[in-house]
Amino acid sequence: EVQRVKKQLLESNPLLESFGNAKTVRNDNSSRFGKYMEILFLASDPAGGNITTYLLEKSRVVSQQQGERNFHIFYEVLSNSSLSRMFGLGGPSDYFYLSDPSSAKVRKVDDATNFQDTTAAMSYVGINDAEQRSVFELVAFILTVGNVTFTGDRNTSHVENKSVVIEAAKLLGVNPKRLGGALTHRTVKSGVEKIKAPLGVQNAQGARDALAKALYGKLFDWIVSRTNVAIATNKYSASIGVLDIYGFEILGVNGFEQLCINYTNEKLHQLFIQLTLKAEQEEYKREGIRWEKVKY
C-alpha cells in the first residue's frame, strides 16, 4: 500500500506538467500554474495527499509569444500517430493555436516519450482508457476549433470554413450547426424570452477563443480532482506542504490574467521572505543569538 501511494504521488507530477507546463523563452518546462501539494504521512510513511492549483495560464491555450509553445499535451497528442489518425489531426504547423511552429520541436523534450509517461500516469491515478480517449479528444477539439475562421463585419459574422466546424463538432459530439451558431451569435435573456444577437467578426473570434480557454480550464481542473481522489486519505498523523509557484517570464503582451499571476507571485515571495528571513531574525534577536543580519 505504501509503495502504491508513493507511486501515485510521484506520477501526479508528470501528469500535471503535461497539462500545465510549457516551453517559454527562459525555460523548456515552465510551470504555467501555481500548485500547493500537501503530502500526508502515517508514522513515517506517505499515506496520501491533496493538490490545490491556482491561476492556470489559460491565455496560453490560444496564443503564445515568439519562441514559446502551448501546453505540452497538445504536442504530445500530435506526436502519437494512432491518435492523429483517429482524430484526423495534422502537424503543429497546421494549427492556429500553436502560434510558432518553429518552436514545436524542443531539443531536450521528447513529446512521444512524454506522451507515454502521461498515459501511464493517468492510469496510475485511476483515469481509465475510455476517459483518456475523451481527454485527448477534447484536446483535439481545442486544436481544431482554433482553426475556425469568420467572414463579415463589425456587426455580423459567418463561419468561413464550415468543414472545420463539422470536424470540430464531431470531436466534441455536438451538432455542427449549433456549434457554428454559438460561435457567431450570443443569446440575450430578457425576462423569459431569449433573443439571439449576431456577433461581429472580432467578437466571434473572441467567442471561439473563450470557448477553448474555458474547456481547457475545466479539463485541467478535472484532472486535478481525479488525481486528488486517487491520493486522498483521512488516516494520517503529519503533513508536509510544498508550494510550487510560477516561474517569472518576460511577456510581450500582458493582460489582466498576467496581472493576477504577477500579483500572486509577489505576495507569495513576500510571505516566503517574512517566514524565512524576518521571522527567523526576530527570533534570533529575542534569544540573544549573535548573527550577521541578512538584508532583504
C-alpha atoms as a PDB file:
ATOM      1  CA  GLU A   1       0.000   0.000   0.000  1.00  0.00           C
ATOM      2  CA  VAL A   2       2.841   2.387   0.867  1.00  0.00           C
ATOM      3  CA  GLN A   3       4.522   1.735  -2.491  1.00  0.00           C
ATOM      4  CA  ARG A   4       1.220   2.335  -4.312  1.00  0.00           C
ATOM      5  CA  VAL A   5       0.747   5.682  -2.581  1.00  0.00           C
ATOM      6  CA  LYS A   6       4.342   6.696  -3.303  1.00  0.00           C
ATOM      7  CA  LYS A   7       3.877   5.828  -6.975  1.00  0.00           C
ATOM      8  CA  GLN A   8       0.645   7.821  -7.240  1.00  0.00           C
ATOM      9  CA  LEU A   9       2.194  10.855  -5.571  1.00  0.00           C
ATOM     10  CA  LEU A  10       5.200  10.692  -7.894  1.00  0.00           C
ATOM     11  CA  GLU A  11       3.116  10.118 -11.027  1.00  0.00           C
ATOM     12  CA  SER A  12       0.890  13.122 -10.299  1.00  0.00           C
ATOM     13  CA  ASN A  13       3.803  15.422 -11.122  1.00  0.00           C
ATOM     14  CA  PRO A  14       4.461  14.483 -14.780  1.00  0.00           C
ATOM     15  CA  LEU A  15       0.707  14.305 -15.363  1.00  0.00           C
ATOM     16  CA  LEU A  16       0.121  17.886 -14.227  1.00  0.00           C
ATOM     17  CA  GLU A  17       3.271  19.019 -16.031  1.00  0.00           C
ATOM     18  CA  SER A  18       1.902  17.741 -19.352  1.00  0.00           C
ATOM     19  CA  PHE A  19      -1.290  19.750 -18.972  1.00  0.00           C
ATOM     20  CA  GLY A  20       0.075  22.722 -17.017  1.00  0.00           C
ATOM     21  CA  ASN A  21       3.659  23.286 -18.193  1.00  0.00           C
ATOM     22  CA  ALA A  22       5.010  24.799 -21.394  1.00  0.00           C
ATOM     23  CA  LYS A  23       8.187  25.917 -23.097  1.00  0.00           C
ATOM     24  CA  THR A  24       8.844  29.607 -22.540  1.00  0.00           C
ATOM     25  CA  VAL A  25      11.675  31.878 -23.589  1.00  0.00           C
ATOM     26  CA  ARG A  26      13.544  31.142 -20.357  1.00  0.00           C
ATOM     27  CA  ASN A  27      12.565  27.557 -19.552  1.00  0.00           C
ATOM     28  CA  ASP A  28      11.708  24.466 -21.627  1.00  0.00           C
ATOM     29  CA  ASN A  29       9.428  23.144 -18.861  1.00  0.00           C
ATOM     30  CA  SER A  30       7.984  26.186 -17.111  1.00  0.00           C
ATOM     31  CA  SER A  31       5.054  25.792 -14.692  1.00  0.00           C
ATOM     32  CA  ARG A  32       2.181  27.880 -16.023  1.00  0.00           C
ATOM     33  CA  PHE A  33       0.048  27.338 -12.925  1.00  0.00           C
ATOM     34  CA  GLY A  34       0.550  27.513  -9.183  1.00  0.00           C
ATOM     35  CA  LYS A  35       0.409  24.341  -7.103  1.00  0.00           C
ATOM     36  CA  TYR A  36       0.269  23.610  -3.396  1.00  0.00           C
ATOM     37  CA  MET A  37       0.761  19.917  -2.646  1.00  0.00           C
ATOM     38  CA  GLU A  38       0.118  18.575   0.823  1.00  0.00           C
ATOM     39  CA  ILE A  39       1.788  15.215   1.444  1.00  0.00           C
ATOM     40  CA  LEU A  40       0.190  13.254   4.298  1.00  0.00           C
ATOM     41  CA  PHE A  41       2.126  10.797   6.465  1.00  0.00           C
ATOM     42  CA  LEU A  42       1.103   7.966   8.767  1.00  0.00           C
ATOM     43  CA  ALA A  43       4.010   7.334  11.108  1.00  0.00           C
ATOM     44  CA  SER A  44       6.985   7.805   8.767  1.00  0.00           C
ATOM     45  CA  ASP A  45       5.376   6.566   5.545  1.00  0.00           C
ATOM     46  CA  PRO A  46       3.417   8.612   2.954  1.00  0.00           C
ATOM     47  CA  ALA A  47      -0.278   7.845   3.257  1.00  0.00           C
ATOM     48  CA  GLY A  48      -1.783  10.205   0.690  1.00  0.00           C
ATOM     49  CA  GLY A  49      -2.032  13.848  -0.248  1.00  0.00           C
ATOM     50  CA  ASN A  50      -4.018  16.700  -1.720  1.00  0.00           C
ATOM     51  CA  ILE A  51      -3.244  19.110  -4.554  1.00  0.00           C
ATOM     52  CA  THR A  52      -4.558  22.654  -4.814  1.00  0.00           C
ATOM     53  CA  THR A  53      -3.894  24.587  -8.026  1.00  0.00           C
ATOM     54  CA  TYR A  54      -4.449  28.234  -8.880  1.00  0.00           C
ATOM     55  CA  LEU A  55      -4.297  30.628 -11.823  1.00  0.00           C
ATOM     56  CA  LEU A  56      -3.715  28.304 -14.764  1.00  0.00           C
ATOM     57  CA  GLU A  57      -2.400  30.479 -17.611  1.00  0.00           C
ATOM     58  CA  LYS A  58      -5.374  29.795 -19.889  1.00  0.00           C
ATOM     59  CA  SER A  59      -4.448  32.595 -22.278  1.00  0.00           C
ATOM     60  CA  ARG A  60      -1.578  30.365 -23.460  1.00  0.00           C
ATOM     61  CA  VAL A  61      -4.143  27.979 -24.981  1.00  0.00           C
ATOM     62  CA  VAL A  62      -4.979  30.485 -27.736  1.00  0.00           C
ATOM     63  CA  SER A  63      -1.740  32.457 -28.175  1.00  0.00           C
ATOM     64  CA  GLN A  64       1.954  32.333 -27.346  1.00  0.00           C
ATOM     65  CA  GLN A  65       4.720  34.806 -27.999  1.00  0.00           C
ATOM     66  CA  GLN A  66       7.581  34.142 -30.405  1.00  0.00           C
ATOM     67  CA  GLY A  67       9.843  31.287 -29.298  1.00  0.00           C
ATOM     68  CA  GLU A  68       7.299  29.733 -26.931  1.00  0.00           C
ATOM     69  CA  ARG A  69       4.981  26.730 -27.062  1.00  0.00           C
ATOM     70  CA  ASN A  70       1.467  25.955 -25.980  1.00  0.00           C
ATOM     71  CA  PHE A  71       0.979  23.431 -23.154  1.00  0.00           C
ATOM     72  CA  HIS A  72       2.976  20.216 -23.646  1.00  0.00           C
ATOM     73  CA  ILE A  73      -0.096  17.996 -24.048  1.00  0.00           C
ATOM     74  CA  PHE A  74      -1.003  19.481 -27.442  1.00  0.00           C
ATOM     75  CA  TYR A  75       2.341  18.450 -28.942  1.00  0.00           C
ATOM     76  CA  GLU A  76       2.271  15.096 -27.158  1.00  0.00           C
ATOM     77  CA  VAL A  77      -1.103  14.248 -28.712  1.00  0.00           C
ATOM     78  CA  LEU A  78       0.118  15.295 -32.179  1.00  0.00           C
ATOM     79  CA  SER A  79       3.233  13.113 -31.744  1.00  0.00           C
ATOM     80  CA  ASN A  80       1.090   9.985 -31.391  1.00  0.00           C
ATOM     81  CA  SER A  81       0.311   8.584 -34.844  1.00  0.00           C
ATOM     82  CA  SER A  82      -2.645   6.431 -33.739  1.00  0.00           C
ATOM     83  CA  LEU A  83      -4.416   9.372 -32.084  1.00  0.00           C
ATOM     84  CA  SER A  84      -3.644  11.590 -35.066  1.00  0.00           C
ATOM     85  CA  ARG A  85      -5.315   9.077 -37.388  1.00  0.00           C
ATOM     86  CA  MET A  86      -8.230   8.542 -35.014  1.00  0.00           C
ATOM     87  CA  PHE A  87      -8.999  12.263 -34.676  1.00  0.00           C
ATOM     88  CA  GLY A  88      -7.892  13.395 -38.139  1.00  0.00           C
ATOM     89  CA  LEU A  89      -5.066  15.576 -36.852  1.00  0.00           C
ATOM     90  CA  GLY A  90      -2.133  17.107 -38.740  1.00  0.00           C
ATOM     91  CA  GLY A  91       1.149  18.569 -37.532  1.00  0.00           C
ATOM     92  CA  PRO A  92       1.883  21.570 -35.281  1.00  0.00           C
ATOM     93  CA  SER A  93       2.158  23.923 -38.267  1.00  0.00           C
ATOM     94  CA  ASP A  94      -1.473  23.143 -39.192  1.00  0.00           C
ATOM     95  CA  TYR A  95      -2.964  24.795 -36.100  1.00  0.00           C
ATOM     96  CA  PHE A  96      -3.534  28.462 -35.355  1.00  0.00           C
ATOM     97  CA  TYR A  97      -3.360  27.829 -31.581  1.00  0.00           C
ATOM     98  CA  LEU A  98       0.235  26.612 -31.975  1.00  0.00           C
ATOM     99  CA  SER A  99       1.372  30.114 -32.866  1.00  0.00           C
ATOM    100  CA  ASP A 100       5.069  29.489 -33.502  1.00  0.00           C
ATOM    101  CA  PRO A 101       5.617  26.241 -35.457  1.00  0.00           C
ATOM    102  CA  SER A 102       9.389  26.802 -35.347  1.00  0.00           C
ATOM    103  CA  SER A 103       9.242  26.218 -31.584  1.00  0.00           C
ATOM    104  CA  ALA A 104       7.270  22.976 -31.864  1.00  0.00           C
ATOM    105  CA  LYS A 105      10.401  20.834 -31.543  1.00  0.00           C
ATOM    106  CA  VAL A 106      12.453  21.334 -28.403  1.00  0.00           C
ATOM    107  CA  ARG A 107      15.904  19.754 -28.311  1.00  0.00           C
ATOM    108  CA  LYS A 108      15.612  18.410 -24.764  1.00  0.00           C
ATOM    109  CA  VAL A 109      11.923  17.431 -24.963  1.00  0.00           C
ATOM    110  CA  ASP A 110      10.742  14.152 -26.497  1.00  0.00           C
ATOM    111  CA  ASP A 111       6.984  14.601 -26.902  1.00  0.00           C
ATOM    112  CA  ALA A 112       6.353  10.992 -27.979  1.00  0.00           C
ATOM    113  CA  THR A 113       8.110   9.562 -24.908  1.00  0.00           C
ATOM    114  CA  ASN A 114       6.461  12.116 -22.645  1.00  0.00           C
ATOM    115  CA  PHE A 115       3.069  11.112 -24.037  1.00  0.00           C
ATOM    116  CA  GLN A 116       3.682   7.522 -22.955  1.00  0.00           C
ATOM    117  CA  ASP A 117       4.605   8.801 -19.481  1.00  0.00           C
ATOM    118  CA  THR A 118       1.437  10.893 -19.410  1.00  0.00           C
ATOM    119  CA  THR A 119      -0.864   7.988 -20.264  1.00  0.00           C
ATOM    120  CA  ALA A 120       0.913   5.780 -17.705  1.00  0.00           C
ATOM    121  CA  ALA A 121       0.461   8.462 -15.051  1.00  0.00           C
ATOM    122  CA  MET A 122      -3.227   8.801 -15.928  1.00  0.00           C
ATOM    123  CA  SER A 123      -3.652   5.060 -15.430  1.00  0.00           C
ATOM    124  CA  TYR A 124      -1.862   5.202 -12.066  1.00  0.00           C
ATOM    125  CA  VAL A 125      -4.303   7.825 -10.756  1.00  0.00           C
ATOM    126  CA  GLY A 126      -7.333   5.868 -11.935  1.00  0.00           C
ATOM    127  CA  ILE A 127      -8.192   7.524 -15.277  1.00  0.00           C
ATOM    128  CA  ASN A 128      -9.229   4.579 -17.458  1.00  0.00           C
ATOM    129  CA  ASP A 129      -8.726   4.094 -21.210  1.00  0.00           C
ATOM    130  CA  ALA A 130     -12.183   5.412 -22.183  1.00  0.00           C
ATOM    131  CA  GLU A 131     -11.685   8.525 -20.084  1.00  0.00           C
ATOM    132  CA  GLN A 132      -8.222   9.032 -21.536  1.00  0.00           C
ATOM    133  CA  ARG A 133      -9.655   8.911 -25.050  1.00  0.00           C
ATOM    134  CA  SER A 134     -12.231  11.553 -24.081  1.00  0.00           C
ATOM    135  CA  VAL A 135      -9.481  13.759 -22.657  1.00  0.00           C
ATOM    136  CA  PHE A 136      -7.382  13.557 -25.827  1.00  0.00           C
ATOM    137  CA  GLU A 137     -10.478  14.039 -27.988  1.00  0.00           C
ATOM    138  CA  LEU A 138     -11.154  17.297 -26.152  1.00  0.00           C
ATOM    139  CA  VAL A 139      -7.538  18.361 -26.700  1.00  0.00           C
ATOM    140  CA  ALA A 140      -8.011  17.604 -30.415  1.00  0.00           C
ATOM    141  CA  PHE A 141     -11.231  19.640 -30.445  1.00  0.00           C
ATOM    142  CA  ILE A 142      -9.480  22.672 -28.972  1.00  0.00           C
ATOM    143  CA  LEU A 143      -6.778  22.486 -31.647  1.00  0.00           C
ATOM    144  CA  THR A 144      -9.393  22.104 -34.390  1.00  0.00           C
ATOM    145  CA  VAL A 145     -11.820  24.810 -33.259  1.00  0.00           C
ATOM    146  CA  GLY A 146      -8.921  27.256 -33.180  1.00  0.00           C
ATOM    147  CA  ASN A 147      -8.769  26.942 -36.989  1.00  0.00           C
ATOM    148  CA  VAL A 148     -12.348  28.183 -37.459  1.00  0.00           C
ATOM    149  CA  THR A 149     -12.307  31.486 -39.353  1.00  0.00           C
ATOM    150  CA  PHE A 150     -15.044  34.049 -39.932  1.00  0.00           C
ATOM    151  CA  THR A 151     -16.194  36.496 -42.599  1.00  0.00           C
ATOM    152  CA  GLY A 152     -18.387  39.534 -42.095  1.00  0.00           C
ATOM    153  CA  ASP A 153     -18.030  42.922 -40.464  1.00  0.00           C
ATOM    154  CA  ARG A 154     -18.146  44.527 -37.017  1.00  0.00           C
ATOM    155  CA  ASN A 155     -21.852  43.680 -36.616  1.00  0.00           C
ATOM    156  CA  THR A 156     -22.317  40.251 -38.152  1.00  0.00           C
ATOM    157  CA  SER A 157     -20.199  37.187 -38.888  1.00  0.00           C
ATOM    158  CA  HIS A 158     -20.415  33.830 -40.635  1.00  0.00           C
ATOM    159  CA  VAL A 159     -18.209  30.758 -40.455  1.00  0.00           C
ATOM    160  CA  GLU A 160     -15.851  30.836 -43.420  1.00  0.00           C
ATOM    161  CA  ASN A 161     -14.601  27.225 -43.322  1.00  0.00           C
ATOM    162  CA  LYS A 162     -17.639  25.110 -42.437  1.00  0.00           C
ATOM    163  CA  SER A 163     -15.730  21.855 -42.917  1.00  0.00           C
ATOM    164  CA  VAL A 164     -13.574  22.744 -39.883  1.00  0.00           C
ATOM    165  CA  VAL A 165     -16.704  23.333 -37.778  1.00  0.00           C
ATOM    166  CA  ILE A 166     -18.044  19.937 -38.876  1.00  0.00           C
ATOM    167  CA  GLU A 167     -14.806  18.254 -37.820  1.00  0.00           C
ATOM    168  CA  ALA A 168     -14.691  20.140 -34.511  1.00  0.00           C
ATOM    169  CA  ALA A 169     -18.327  19.318 -33.760  1.00  0.00           C
ATOM    170  CA  LYS A 170     -17.627  15.634 -34.415  1.00  0.00           C
ATOM    171  CA  LEU A 171     -14.804  15.671 -31.863  1.00  0.00           C
ATOM    172  CA  LEU A 172     -16.965  17.421 -29.261  1.00  0.00           C
ATOM    173  CA  GLY A 173     -20.047  15.319 -30.021  1.00  0.00           C
ATOM    174  CA  VAL A 174     -22.373  18.232 -30.829  1.00  0.00           C
ATOM    175  CA  ASN A 175     -24.428  19.399 -33.804  1.00  0.00           C
ATOM    176  CA  PRO A 176     -22.268  21.377 -36.283  1.00  0.00           C
ATOM    177  CA  LYS A 177     -24.978  23.997 -36.907  1.00  0.00           C
ATOM    178  CA  ARG A 178     -25.399  24.619 -33.193  1.00  0.00           C
ATOM    179  CA  LEU A 179     -21.655  24.932 -32.715  1.00  0.00           C
ATOM    180  CA  GLY A 180     -21.370  27.370 -35.624  1.00  0.00           C
ATOM    181  CA  GLY A 181     -24.337  29.343 -34.285  1.00  0.00           C
ATOM    182  CA  ALA A 182     -22.823  29.507 -30.810  1.00  0.00           C
ATOM    183  CA  LEU A 183     -19.615  30.988 -32.246  1.00  0.00           C
ATOM    184  CA  THR A 184     -21.352  33.641 -34.379  1.00  0.00           C
ATOM    185  CA  HIS A 185     -24.255  34.599 -32.111  1.00  0.00           C
ATOM    186  CA  ARG A 186     -24.842  35.426 -28.471  1.00  0.00           C
ATOM    187  CA  THR A 187     -28.014  34.687 -26.561  1.00  0.00           C
ATOM    188  CA  VAL A 188     -29.550  37.514 -24.562  1.00  0.00           C
ATOM    189  CA  LYS A 189     -32.186  36.659 -21.977  1.00  0.00           C
ATOM    190  CA  SER A 190     -34.878  39.275 -21.339  1.00  0.00           C
ATOM    191  CA  GLY A 191     -37.320  38.045 -18.732  1.00  0.00           C
ATOM    192  CA  VAL A 192     -38.489  34.666 -20.000  1.00  0.00           C
ATOM    193  CA  GLU A 193     -37.619  35.481 -23.598  1.00  0.00           C
ATOM    194  CA  LYS A 194     -34.312  34.566 -25.214  1.00  0.00           C
ATOM    195  CA  ILE A 195     -33.024  36.649 -28.106  1.00  0.00           C
ATOM    196  CA  LYS A 196     -30.160  35.633 -30.384  1.00  0.00           C
ATOM    197  CA  ALA A 197     -27.972  38.551 -31.423  1.00  0.00           C
ATOM    198  CA  PRO A 198     -25.259  38.305 -34.093  1.00  0.00           C
ATOM    199  CA  LEU A 199     -21.592  38.820 -33.281  1.00  0.00           C
ATOM    200  CA  GLY A 200     -19.143  40.764 -35.396  1.00  0.00           C
ATOM    201  CA  VAL A 201     -16.029  39.024 -36.717  1.00  0.00           C
ATOM    202  CA  GLN A 202     -13.811  40.209 -33.859  1.00  0.00           C
ATOM    203  CA  ASN A 203     -16.333  39.158 -31.217  1.00  0.00           C
ATOM    204  CA  ALA A 204     -16.829  35.785 -32.922  1.00  0.00           C
ATOM    205  CA  GLN A 205     -13.086  35.197 -32.735  1.00  0.00           C
ATOM    206  CA  GLY A 206     -13.251  36.161 -29.058  1.00  0.00           C
ATOM    207  CA  ALA A 207     -16.111  33.691 -28.503  1.00  0.00           C
ATOM    208  CA  ARG A 208     -14.100  30.930 -30.183  1.00  0.00           C
ATOM    209  CA  ASP A 209     -11.073  31.645 -28.002  1.00  0.00           C
ATOM    210  CA  ALA A 210     -13.174  31.940 -24.826  1.00  0.00           C
ATOM    211  CA  LEU A 211     -14.699  28.513 -25.521  1.00  0.00           C
ATOM    212  CA  ALA A 212     -11.258  26.949 -25.995  1.00  0.00           C
ATOM    213  CA  LYS A 213      -9.869  28.507 -22.799  1.00  0.00           C
ATOM    214  CA  ALA A 214     -12.941  27.573 -20.731  1.00  0.00           C
ATOM    215  CA  LEU A 215     -12.900  23.945 -21.879  1.00  0.00           C
ATOM    216  CA  TYR A 216      -9.175  23.582 -21.248  1.00  0.00           C
ATOM    217  CA  GLY A 217      -9.534  25.119 -17.794  1.00  0.00           C
ATOM    218  CA  LYS A 218     -12.333  22.679 -16.939  1.00  0.00           C
ATOM    219  CA  LEU A 219     -10.279  19.769 -18.280  1.00  0.00           C
ATOM    220  CA  PHE A 220      -7.290  20.754 -16.140  1.00  0.00           C
ATOM    221  CA  ASP A 221      -9.482  21.057 -13.036  1.00  0.00           C
ATOM    222  CA  TRP A 222     -10.989  17.623 -13.742  1.00  0.00           C
ATOM    223  CA  ILE A 223      -7.543  16.015 -13.978  1.00  0.00           C
ATOM    224  CA  VAL A 224      -6.532  17.621 -10.665  1.00  0.00           C
ATOM    225  CA  SER A 225      -9.744  16.427  -8.995  1.00  0.00           C
ATOM    226  CA  ARG A 226      -9.282  12.857 -10.286  1.00  0.00           C
ATOM    227  CA  THR A 227      -5.716  12.888  -9.006  1.00  0.00           C
ATOM    228  CA  ASN A 228      -6.927  14.070  -5.600  1.00  0.00           C
ATOM    229  CA  VAL A 229      -9.467  11.243  -5.452  1.00  0.00           C
ATOM    230  CA  ALA A 230      -6.666   8.730  -6.052  1.00  0.00           C
ATOM    231  CA  ILE A 231      -4.329  10.109  -3.357  1.00  0.00           C
ATOM    232  CA  ALA A 232      -6.958  11.104  -0.773  1.00  0.00           C
ATOM    233  CA  THR A 233      -6.851   9.675   2.764  1.00  0.00           C
ATOM    234  CA  ASN A 234      -8.246  10.572   6.172  1.00  0.00           C
ATOM    235  CA  LYS A 235      -5.733   8.453   8.066  1.00  0.00           C
ATOM    236  CA  TYR A 236      -2.599  10.492   8.713  1.00  0.00           C
ATOM    237  CA  SER A 237      -0.586  11.822  11.626  1.00  0.00           C
ATOM    238  CA  ALA A 238       1.537  14.534   9.992  1.00  0.00           C
ATOM    239  CA  SER A 239       1.803  16.517   6.794  1.00  0.00           C
ATOM    240  CA  ILE A 240       4.273  18.496   4.700  1.00  0.00           C
ATOM    241  CA  GLY A 241       3.201  21.270   2.336  1.00  0.00           C
ATOM    242  CA  VAL A 242       5.123  22.009  -0.878  1.00  0.00           C
ATOM    243  CA  LEU A 243       4.381  25.224  -2.773  1.00  0.00           C
ATOM    244  CA  ASP A 244       5.348  25.413  -6.452  1.00  0.00           C
ATOM    245  CA  ILE A 245       4.834  28.922  -7.818  1.00  0.00           C
ATOM    246  CA  TYR A 246       5.057  30.319 -11.323  1.00  0.00           C
ATOM    247  CA  GLY A 247       8.368  30.986 -12.947  1.00  0.00           C
ATOM    248  CA  PHE A 248       8.775  34.658 -13.795  1.00  0.00           C
ATOM    249  CA  GLU A 249       8.684  35.318 -17.520  1.00  0.00           C
ATOM    250  CA  ILE A 250       9.100  38.251 -19.893  1.00  0.00           C
ATOM    251  CA  LEU A 251       5.879  38.544 -21.873  1.00  0.00           C
ATOM    252  CA  GLY A 252       5.314  40.689 -24.944  1.00  0.00           C
ATOM    253  CA  VAL A 253       1.663  41.292 -24.056  1.00  0.00           C
ATOM    254  CA  ASN A 254       0.294  41.468 -20.517  1.00  0.00           C
ATOM    255  CA  GLY A 255      -3.404  41.145 -19.744  1.00  0.00           C
ATOM    256  CA  PHE A 256      -5.498  41.002 -16.589  1.00  0.00           C
ATOM    257  CA  GLU A 257      -4.701  37.302 -16.212  1.00  0.00           C
ATOM    258  CA  GLN A 258      -0.968  38.020 -16.158  1.00  0.00           C
ATOM    259  CA  LEU A 259      -1.544  40.850 -13.683  1.00  0.00           C
ATOM    260  CA  CYS A 260      -3.208  38.375 -11.296  1.00  0.00           C
ATOM    261  CA  ILE A 261      -0.348  35.899 -11.760  1.00  0.00           C
ATOM    262  CA  ASN A 262       2.323  38.537 -11.111  1.00  0.00           C
ATOM    263  CA  TYR A 263       0.489  39.917  -8.079  1.00  0.00           C
ATOM    264  CA  THR A 264       0.091  36.436  -6.583  1.00  0.00           C
ATOM    265  CA  ASN A 265       3.767  35.676  -7.168  1.00  0.00           C
ATOM    266  CA  GLU A 266       4.828  38.891  -5.464  1.00  0.00           C
ATOM    267  CA  LYS A 267       2.611  38.186  -2.442  1.00  0.00           C
ATOM    268  CA  LEU A 268       3.946  34.631  -2.154  1.00  0.00           C
ATOM    269  CA  HIS A 269       7.546  35.818  -2.351  1.00  0.00           C
ATOM    270  CA  GLN A 270       6.792  38.419   0.290  1.00  0.00           C
ATOM    271  CA  LEU A 271       5.317  35.733   2.553  1.00  0.00           C
ATOM    272  CA  PHE A 272       8.346  33.497   1.950  1.00  0.00           C
ATOM    273  CA  ILE A 273      10.722  36.304   2.939  1.00  0.00           C
ATOM    274  CA  GLN A 274       8.713  37.032   6.083  1.00  0.00           C
ATOM    275  CA  LEU A 275       8.698  33.395   7.145  1.00  0.00           C
ATOM    276  CA  THR A 276      12.309  32.553   6.348  1.00  0.00           C
ATOM    277  CA  LEU A 277      14.159  35.803   6.976  1.00  0.00           C
ATOM    278  CA  LYS A 278      12.163  38.285   9.004  1.00  0.00           C
ATOM    279  CA  ALA A 279      10.644  35.795  11.456  1.00  0.00           C
ATOM    280  CA  GLU A 280      13.917  33.890  11.950  1.00  0.00           C
ATOM    281  CA  GLN A 281      15.945  37.035  12.581  1.00  0.00           C
ATOM    282  CA  GLU A 282      13.374  38.333  15.057  1.00  0.00           C
ATOM    283  CA  GLU A 283      13.613  35.024  16.917  1.00  0.00           C
ATOM    284  CA  TYR A 284      17.443  35.264  16.981  1.00  0.00           C
ATOM    285  CA  LYS A 285      17.111  38.759  18.421  1.00  0.00           C
ATOM    286  CA  ARG A 286      14.697  37.621  21.153  1.00  0.00           C
ATOM    287  CA  GLU A 287      17.004  34.749  22.148  1.00  0.00           C
ATOM    288  CA  GLY A 288      20.142  36.898  22.126  1.00  0.00           C
ATOM    289  CA  ILE A 289      21.866  34.870  19.422  1.00  0.00           C
ATOM    290  CA  ARG A 290      24.678  36.621  17.564  1.00  0.00           C
ATOM    291  CA  TRP A 291      24.329  36.550  13.783  1.00  0.00           C
ATOM    292  CA  GLU A 292      25.120  38.563  10.719  1.00  0.00           C
ATOM    293  CA  LYS A 293      21.964  40.399   9.726  1.00  0.00           C
ATOM    294  CA  VAL A 294      20.575  39.473   6.332  1.00  0.00           C
ATOM    295  CA  LYS A 295      19.157  42.442   4.410  1.00  0.00           C
ATOM    296  CA  TYR A 296      16.148  41.952   2.172  1.00  0.00           C
END
